Amino acid sequence: MARPTPASPGLQALKTQRTRTRLIEATLGLIRERGFSAATASNIARRAGITWGAAQHQFGSKEEILEAILALAYRRYLEAMAAPGLGGGSRRRRARELVDRMWRHYQGDHYRVSLEILRATRGARAHRARAWEQRQGRAHLRVVRHLFPDSPLTDARLREALTFTHCCLAGLSMEPVFEVRVRHIDRHLNRIASMLADMLGHR
């Protein structure tokens, strides 16, 4: 079987994907390590090891790279929720597994950097931030409906339970800002899961 030539569509697509990945990873690293302001066009290109002109050939603008990161964070969440092992057992056990997976996702670079992007650009792109949040909300709702078919809650009450859980986990994820070491994480997660399970069982 003949090997693809350097100009073949397969090799070109692979090169394009690798370049796009380098740009996304460079942006993630800059925001994670130094904050949103560090993710300038020149810094992104320098860290990715290409010129900004080459970067624009792939994404067009820095804003498109940021959009790609938001889309990737959303996809990572869906993948985490779709992984085997979520479901079965008591409502409390299912609630703990859901909380654990949400917590692991919240600890990841993609989610944390996405929050930084949304916070830093909210005024300029409020409609996009709302769209991202709405997609996340719908994804959460679908997951929980599938995981807890026995819950009598309406969609509105279910969103309320999810908002409560999100606020607890988001607050807990901020604790390292104030404490060198956060103690009793497992106990905190178990309490959050217990409260979620209780909320899911009430009308």
C-alpha atoms as a PDB file:
ATOM      1  CA  MET A   1       0.000   0.000   0.000  1.00  0.00           C
ATOM      2  CA  ALA A   2       1.443   3.356  -1.045  1.00  0.00           C
ATOM      3  CA  ARG A   3       2.245   5.864   1.682  1.00  0.00           C
ATOM      4  CA  PRO A   4       0.519   9.263   1.587  1.00  0.00           C
ATOM      5  CA  THR A   5       2.573  11.952  -0.077  1.00  0.00           C
ATOM      6  CA  PRO A   6       3.474  15.062   1.956  1.00  0.00           C
ATOM      7  CA  ALA A   7       0.707  16.959   0.176  1.00  0.00           C
ATOM      8  CA  SER A   8      -1.976  14.326   0.826  1.00  0.00           C
ATOM      9  CA  PRO A   9      -5.195  15.408   2.597  1.00  0.00           C
ATOM     10  CA  GLY A  10      -4.532  12.936   5.426  1.00  0.00           C
ATOM     11  CA  LEU A  11      -1.154  14.371   6.349  1.00  0.00           C
ATOM     12  CA  GLN A  12      -2.346  17.939   5.949  1.00  0.00           C
ATOM     13  CA  ALA A  13      -5.349  17.320   8.210  1.00  0.00           C
ATOM     14  CA  LEU A  14      -3.073  15.750  10.826  1.00  0.00           C
ATOM     15  CA  LYS A  15      -0.701  18.714  10.689  1.00  0.00           C
ATOM     16  CA  THR A  16      -3.609  21.123  11.003  1.00  0.00           C
ATOM     17  CA  GLN A  17      -4.998  19.272  14.022  1.00  0.00           C
ATOM     18  CA  ARG A  18      -1.612  19.231  15.727  1.00  0.00           C
ATOM     19  CA  THR A  19      -1.175  22.961  15.194  1.00  0.00           C
ATOM     20  CA  ARG A  20      -4.654  23.710  16.529  1.00  0.00           C
ATOM     21  CA  THR A  21      -3.957  21.521  19.565  1.00  0.00           C
ATOM     22  CA  ARG A  22      -0.675  23.346  20.236  1.00  0.00           C
ATOM     23  CA  LEU A  23      -2.469  26.693  20.111  1.00  0.00           C
ATOM     24  CA  ILE A  24      -5.207  25.526  22.478  1.00  0.00           C
ATOM     25  CA  GLU A  25      -2.683  24.024  24.911  1.00  0.00           C
ATOM     26  CA  ALA A  26      -0.554  27.180  24.775  1.00  0.00           C
ATOM     27  CA  THR A  27      -3.573  29.333  25.618  1.00  0.00           C
ATOM     28  CA  LEU A  28      -4.660  26.992  28.409  1.00  0.00           C
ATOM     29  CA  GLY A  29      -1.181  27.067  29.913  1.00  0.00           C
ATOM     30  CA  LEU A  30      -0.866  30.822  29.806  1.00  0.00           C
ATOM     31  CA  ILE A  31      -4.245  31.436  31.449  1.00  0.00           C
ATOM     32  CA  ARG A  32      -3.718  28.701  34.044  1.00  0.00           C
ATOM     33  CA  GLU A  33      -0.271  29.893  35.054  1.00  0.00           C
ATOM     34  CA  ARG A  34      -0.464  33.669  34.653  1.00  0.00           C
ATOM     35  CA  GLY A  35      -4.108  34.653  34.215  1.00  0.00           C
ATOM     36  CA  PHE A  36      -6.229  35.740  31.277  1.00  0.00           C
ATOM     37  CA  SER A  37      -4.209  38.887  30.574  1.00  0.00           C
ATOM     38  CA  ALA A  38      -1.146  36.770  29.753  1.00  0.00           C
ATOM     39  CA  ALA A  39      -2.921  35.124  26.818  1.00  0.00           C
ATOM     40  CA  THR A  40      -1.999  37.754  24.251  1.00  0.00           C
ATOM     41  CA  ALA A  41      -1.721  36.849  20.586  1.00  0.00           C
ATOM     42  CA  SER A  42       2.076  37.126  20.640  1.00  0.00           C
ATOM     43  CA  ASN A  43       2.416  35.049  23.823  1.00  0.00           C
ATOM     44  CA  ILE A  44       0.127  32.338  22.475  1.00  0.00           C
ATOM     45  CA  ALA A  45       2.059  32.096  19.205  1.00  0.00           C
ATOM     46  CA  ARG A  46       5.435  32.138  20.957  1.00  0.00           C
ATOM     47  CA  ARG A  47       4.421  29.377  23.367  1.00  0.00           C
ATOM     48  CA  ALA A  48       2.956  27.285  20.552  1.00  0.00           C
ATOM     49  CA  GLY A  49       6.165  27.711  18.580  1.00  0.00           C
ATOM     50  CA  ILE A  50       4.610  29.314  15.494  1.00  0.00           C
ATOM     51  CA  THR A  51       4.024  32.790  14.116  1.00  0.00           C
ATOM     52  CA  TRP A  52       0.786  34.590  14.838  1.00  0.00           C
ATOM     53  CA  GLY A  53       0.124  34.649  11.106  1.00  0.00           C
ATOM     54  CA  ALA A  54       0.212  30.848  11.090  1.00  0.00           C
ATOM     55  CA  ALA A  55      -2.059  30.820  14.132  1.00  0.00           C
ATOM     56  CA  GLN A  56      -4.588  33.021  12.344  1.00  0.00           C
ATOM     57  CA  HIS A  57      -4.567  30.601   9.443  1.00  0.00           C
ATOM     58  CA  GLN A  58      -5.905  27.989  11.872  1.00  0.00           C
ATOM     59  CA  PHE A  59      -8.281  30.010  14.040  1.00  0.00           C
ATOM     60  CA  GLY A  60      -8.637  33.459  12.519  1.00  0.00           C
ATOM     61  CA  SER A  61      -8.478  35.256  15.857  1.00  0.00           C
ATOM     62  CA  LYS A  62      -7.702  34.777  19.528  1.00  0.00           C
ATOM     63  CA  GLU A  63     -11.442  34.813  20.245  1.00  0.00           C
ATOM     64  CA  GLU A  64     -11.846  31.665  18.144  1.00  0.00           C
ATOM     65  CA  ILE A  65      -9.189  29.920  20.238  1.00  0.00           C
ATOM     66  CA  LEU A  66     -11.097  30.900  23.377  1.00  0.00           C
ATOM     67  CA  GLU A  67     -14.317  29.551  21.857  1.00  0.00           C
ATOM     68  CA  ALA A  68     -12.534  26.286  21.093  1.00  0.00           C
ATOM     69  CA  ILE A  69     -11.482  25.998  24.747  1.00  0.00           C
ATOM     70  CA  LEU A  70     -15.068  26.556  25.926  1.00  0.00           C
ATOM     71  CA  ALA A  71     -16.324  23.912  23.500  1.00  0.00           C
ATOM     72  CA  LEU A  72     -13.623  21.510  24.650  1.00  0.00           C
ATOM     73  CA  ALA A  73     -14.513  22.014  28.330  1.00  0.00           C
ATOM     74  CA  TYR A  74     -18.154  21.296  27.513  1.00  0.00           C
ATOM     75  CA  ARG A  75     -17.176  18.147  25.631  1.00  0.00           C
ATOM     76  CA  ARG A  76     -14.919  16.980  28.474  1.00  0.00           C
ATOM     77  CA  TYR A  77     -17.836  17.294  30.897  1.00  0.00           C
ATOM     78  CA  LEU A  78     -20.110  15.210  28.665  1.00  0.00           C
ATOM     79  CA  GLU A  79     -17.398  12.572  28.310  1.00  0.00           C
ATOM     80  CA  ALA A  80     -16.937  12.409  32.083  1.00  0.00           C
ATOM     81  CA  MET A  81     -20.644  11.926  32.607  1.00  0.00           C
ATOM     82  CA  ALA A  82     -20.867   9.292  29.853  1.00  0.00           C
ATOM     83  CA  ALA A  83     -18.031   7.156  31.243  1.00  0.00           C
ATOM     84  CA  PRO A  84     -19.098   3.696  32.514  1.00  0.00           C
ATOM     85  CA  GLY A  85     -20.085   3.219  36.129  1.00  0.00           C
ATOM     86  CA  LEU A  86     -22.484   6.110  36.652  1.00  0.00           C
ATOM     87  CA  GLY A  87     -25.841   4.679  37.695  1.00  0.00           C
ATOM     88  CA  GLY A  88     -27.312   1.850  39.720  1.00  0.00           C
ATOM     89  CA  GLY A  89     -27.718   1.469  43.450  1.00  0.00           C
ATOM     90  CA  SER A  90     -29.427   3.740  45.914  1.00  0.00           C
ATOM     91  CA  ARG A  91     -30.208   7.377  45.223  1.00  0.00           C
ATOM     92  CA  ARG A  92     -27.548   8.382  47.731  1.00  0.00           C
ATOM     93  CA  ARG A  93     -24.903   6.243  46.012  1.00  0.00           C
ATOM     94  CA  ARG A  94     -25.805   7.700  42.623  1.00  0.00           C
ATOM     95  CA  ALA A  95     -25.697  11.223  44.054  1.00  0.00           C
ATOM     96  CA  ARG A  96     -22.209  10.630  45.463  1.00  0.00           C
ATOM     97  CA  GLU A  97     -20.944   9.297  42.127  1.00  0.00           C
ATOM     98  CA  LEU A  98     -22.386  12.317  40.315  1.00  0.00           C
ATOM     99  CA  VAL A  99     -20.819  14.731  42.820  1.00  0.00           C
ATOM    100  CA  ASP A 100     -17.467  12.951  42.543  1.00  0.00           C
ATOM    101  CA  ARG A 101     -17.467  13.227  38.752  1.00  0.00           C
ATOM    102  CA  MET A 102     -18.527  16.860  38.845  1.00  0.00           C
ATOM    103  CA  TRP A 103     -15.787  17.559  41.374  1.00  0.00           C
ATOM    104  CA  ARG A 104     -13.099  15.932  39.237  1.00  0.00           C
ATOM    105  CA  HIS A 105     -14.283  17.933  36.234  1.00  0.00           C
ATOM    106  CA  TYR A 106     -14.245  21.168  38.235  1.00  0.00           C
ATOM    107  CA  GLN A 107     -10.636  20.468  39.242  1.00  0.00           C
ATOM    108  CA  GLY A 108      -9.487  20.167  35.629  1.00  0.00           C
ATOM    109  CA  ASP A 109      -7.659  22.864  33.696  1.00  0.00           C
ATOM    110  CA  HIS A 110     -10.310  23.075  30.963  1.00  0.00           C
ATOM    111  CA  TYR A 111     -13.111  23.968  33.361  1.00  0.00           C
ATOM    112  CA  ARG A 112     -11.042  26.378  35.448  1.00  0.00           C
ATOM    113  CA  VAL A 113      -9.664  28.161  32.418  1.00  0.00           C
ATOM    114  CA  SER A 114     -13.164  28.332  30.915  1.00  0.00           C
ATOM    115  CA  LEU A 115     -14.406  30.140  34.013  1.00  0.00           C
ATOM    116  CA  GLU A 116     -11.486  32.556  33.730  1.00  0.00           C
ATOM    117  CA  ILE A 117     -12.345  33.210  30.080  1.00  0.00           C
ATOM    118  CA  LEU A 118     -16.025  33.797  30.849  1.00  0.00           C
ATOM    119  CA  ARG A 119     -15.229  36.080  33.779  1.00  0.00           C
ATOM    120  CA  ALA A 120     -12.704  38.139  31.814  1.00  0.00           C
ATOM    121  CA  THR A 121     -14.823  38.522  28.699  1.00  0.00           C
ATOM    122  CA  ARG A 122     -18.332  38.630  30.130  1.00  0.00           C
ATOM    123  CA  GLY A 123     -18.996  42.260  29.228  1.00  0.00           C
ATOM    124  CA  ALA A 124     -17.750  41.976  25.663  1.00  0.00           C
ATOM    125  CA  ARG A 125     -19.383  38.652  24.901  1.00  0.00           C
ATOM    126  CA  ALA A 126     -22.232  38.333  27.362  1.00  0.00           C
ATOM    127  CA  HIS A 127     -24.502  36.558  24.879  1.00  0.00           C
ATOM    128  CA  ARG A 128     -21.852  33.897  24.226  1.00  0.00           C
ATOM    129  CA  ALA A 129     -21.258  33.434  27.945  1.00  0.00           C
ATOM    130  CA  ARG A 130     -24.977  32.918  28.478  1.00  0.00           C
ATOM    131  CA  ALA A 131     -25.114  30.451  25.590  1.00  0.00           C
ATOM    132  CA  TRP A 132     -22.233  28.462  27.108  1.00  0.00           C
ATOM    133  CA  GLU A 133     -23.881  28.437  30.524  1.00  0.00           C
ATOM    134  CA  GLN A 134     -27.204  27.366  29.009  1.00  0.00           C
ATOM    135  CA  ARG A 135     -25.533  24.487  27.149  1.00  0.00           C
ATOM    136  CA  GLN A 136     -23.881  23.388  30.375  1.00  0.00           C
ATOM    137  CA  GLY A 137     -27.204  23.636  32.198  1.00  0.00           C
ATOM    138  CA  ARG A 138     -29.029  21.540  29.616  1.00  0.00           C
ATOM    139  CA  ALA A 139     -26.251  18.941  29.692  1.00  0.00           C
ATOM    140  CA  HIS A 140     -26.459  18.722  33.499  1.00  0.00           C
ATOM    141  CA  LEU A 141     -30.226  18.359  33.344  1.00  0.00           C
ATOM    142  CA  ARG A 142     -30.073  15.527  30.789  1.00  0.00           C
ATOM    143  CA  VAL A 143     -27.476  13.664  32.848  1.00  0.00           C
ATOM    144  CA  VAL A 144     -29.419  13.961  36.084  1.00  0.00           C
ATOM    145  CA  ARG A 145     -32.734  13.004  34.474  1.00  0.00           C
ATOM    146  CA  HIS A 146     -31.081   9.877  33.117  1.00  0.00           C
ATOM    147  CA  LEU A 147     -29.351   9.094  36.402  1.00  0.00           C
ATOM    148  CA  PHE A 148     -32.364   9.754  38.645  1.00  0.00           C
ATOM    149  CA  PRO A 149     -35.486   8.651  36.717  1.00  0.00           C
ATOM    150  CA  ASP A 150     -37.117   8.031  40.118  1.00  0.00           C
ATOM    151  CA  SER A 151     -36.907  11.693  41.150  1.00  0.00           C
ATOM    152  CA  PRO A 152     -40.283  13.445  41.296  1.00  0.00           C
ATOM    153  CA  LEU A 153     -38.784  16.907  40.795  1.00  0.00           C
ATOM    154  CA  THR A 154     -39.907  19.178  37.987  1.00  0.00           C
ATOM    155  CA  ASP A 155     -37.235  20.517  35.650  1.00  0.00           C
ATOM    156  CA  ALA A 156     -37.282  23.843  37.491  1.00  0.00           C
ATOM    157  CA  ARG A 157     -36.753  22.197  40.885  1.00  0.00           C
ATOM    158  CA  LEU A 158     -34.111  19.907  39.442  1.00  0.00           C
ATOM    159  CA  ARG A 159     -32.198  22.920  38.113  1.00  0.00           C
ATOM    160  CA  GLU A 160     -32.436  24.424  41.595  1.00  0.00           C
ATOM    161  CA  ALA A 161     -30.867  21.282  43.090  1.00  0.00           C
ATOM    162  CA  LEU A 162     -28.125  21.354  40.475  1.00  0.00           C
ATOM    163  CA  THR A 163     -27.440  25.045  41.082  1.00  0.00           C
ATOM    164  CA  PHE A 164     -27.089  24.339  44.796  1.00  0.00           C
ATOM    165  CA  THR A 165     -24.676  21.471  44.099  1.00  0.00           C
ATOM    166  CA  HIS A 166     -22.681  23.583  41.655  1.00  0.00           C
ATOM    167  CA  CYS A 167     -22.378  26.449  44.138  1.00  0.00           C
ATOM    168  CA  CYS A 168     -21.150  24.099  46.860  1.00  0.00           C
ATOM    169  CA  LEU A 169     -18.552  22.495  44.613  1.00  0.00           C
ATOM    170  CA  ALA A 170     -17.460  25.794  43.076  1.00  0.00           C
ATOM    171  CA  GLY A 171     -17.005  27.284  46.543  1.00  0.00           C
ATOM    172  CA  LEU A 172     -15.035  24.258  47.687  1.00  0.00           C
ATOM    173  CA  SER A 173     -12.808  24.480  44.618  1.00  0.00           C
ATOM    174  CA  MET A 174     -11.961  28.074  45.588  1.00  0.00           C
ATOM    175  CA  GLU A 175     -10.828  27.113  49.088  1.00  0.00           C
ATOM    176  CA  PRO A 176      -7.173  26.525  48.069  1.00  0.00           C
ATOM    177  CA  VAL A 177      -6.981  30.262  47.370  1.00  0.00           C
ATOM    178  CA  PHE A 178      -7.369  30.855  51.118  1.00  0.00           C
ATOM    179  CA  GLU A 179      -5.903  27.676  52.613  1.00  0.00           C
ATOM    180  CA  VAL A 180      -2.619  25.988  51.786  1.00  0.00           C
ATOM    181  CA  ARG A 181      -4.247  22.623  52.297  1.00  0.00           C
ATOM    182  CA  VAL A 182      -7.969  21.926  52.231  1.00  0.00           C
ATOM    183  CA  ARG A 183      -8.843  19.263  54.768  1.00  0.00           C
ATOM    184  CA  HIS A 184     -11.640  16.714  54.785  1.00  0.00           C
ATOM    185  CA  ILE A 185     -12.501  16.974  51.081  1.00  0.00           C
ATOM    186  CA  ASP A 186     -14.129  13.545  51.131  1.00  0.00           C
ATOM    187  CA  ARG A 187     -16.370  14.508  54.047  1.00  0.00           C
ATOM    188  CA  HIS A 188     -17.404  17.711  52.301  1.00  0.00           C
ATOM    189  CA  LEU A 189     -18.228  15.851  49.082  1.00  0.00           C
ATOM    190  CA  ASN A 190     -20.230  13.286  51.029  1.00  0.00           C
ATOM    191  CA  ARG A 191     -22.266  16.029  52.721  1.00  0.00           C
ATOM    192  CA  ILE A 192     -22.967  17.696  49.370  1.00  0.00           C
ATOM    193  CA  ALA A 193     -24.026  14.357  47.870  1.00  0.00           C
ATOM    194  CA  SER A 194     -26.306  13.630  50.839  1.00  0.00           C
ATOM    195  CA  MET A 195     -28.031  16.985  50.499  1.00  0.00           C
ATOM    196  CA  LEU A 196     -28.427  16.471  46.750  1.00  0.00           C
ATOM    197  CA  ALA A 197     -29.943  13.015  47.312  1.00  0.00           C
ATOM    198  CA  ASP A 198     -32.403  14.465  49.838  1.00  0.00           C
ATOM    199  CA  MET A 199     -33.381  17.262  47.450  1.00  0.00           C
ATOM    200  CA  LEU A 200     -33.921  14.790  44.604  1.00  0.00           C
ATOM    201  CA  GLY A 201     -36.312  12.731  46.736  1.00  0.00           C
ATOM    202  CA  HIS A 202     -38.638  15.602  47.709  1.00  0.00           C
ATOM    203  CA  ARG A 203     -41.390  17.178  45.717  1.00  0.00           C
END
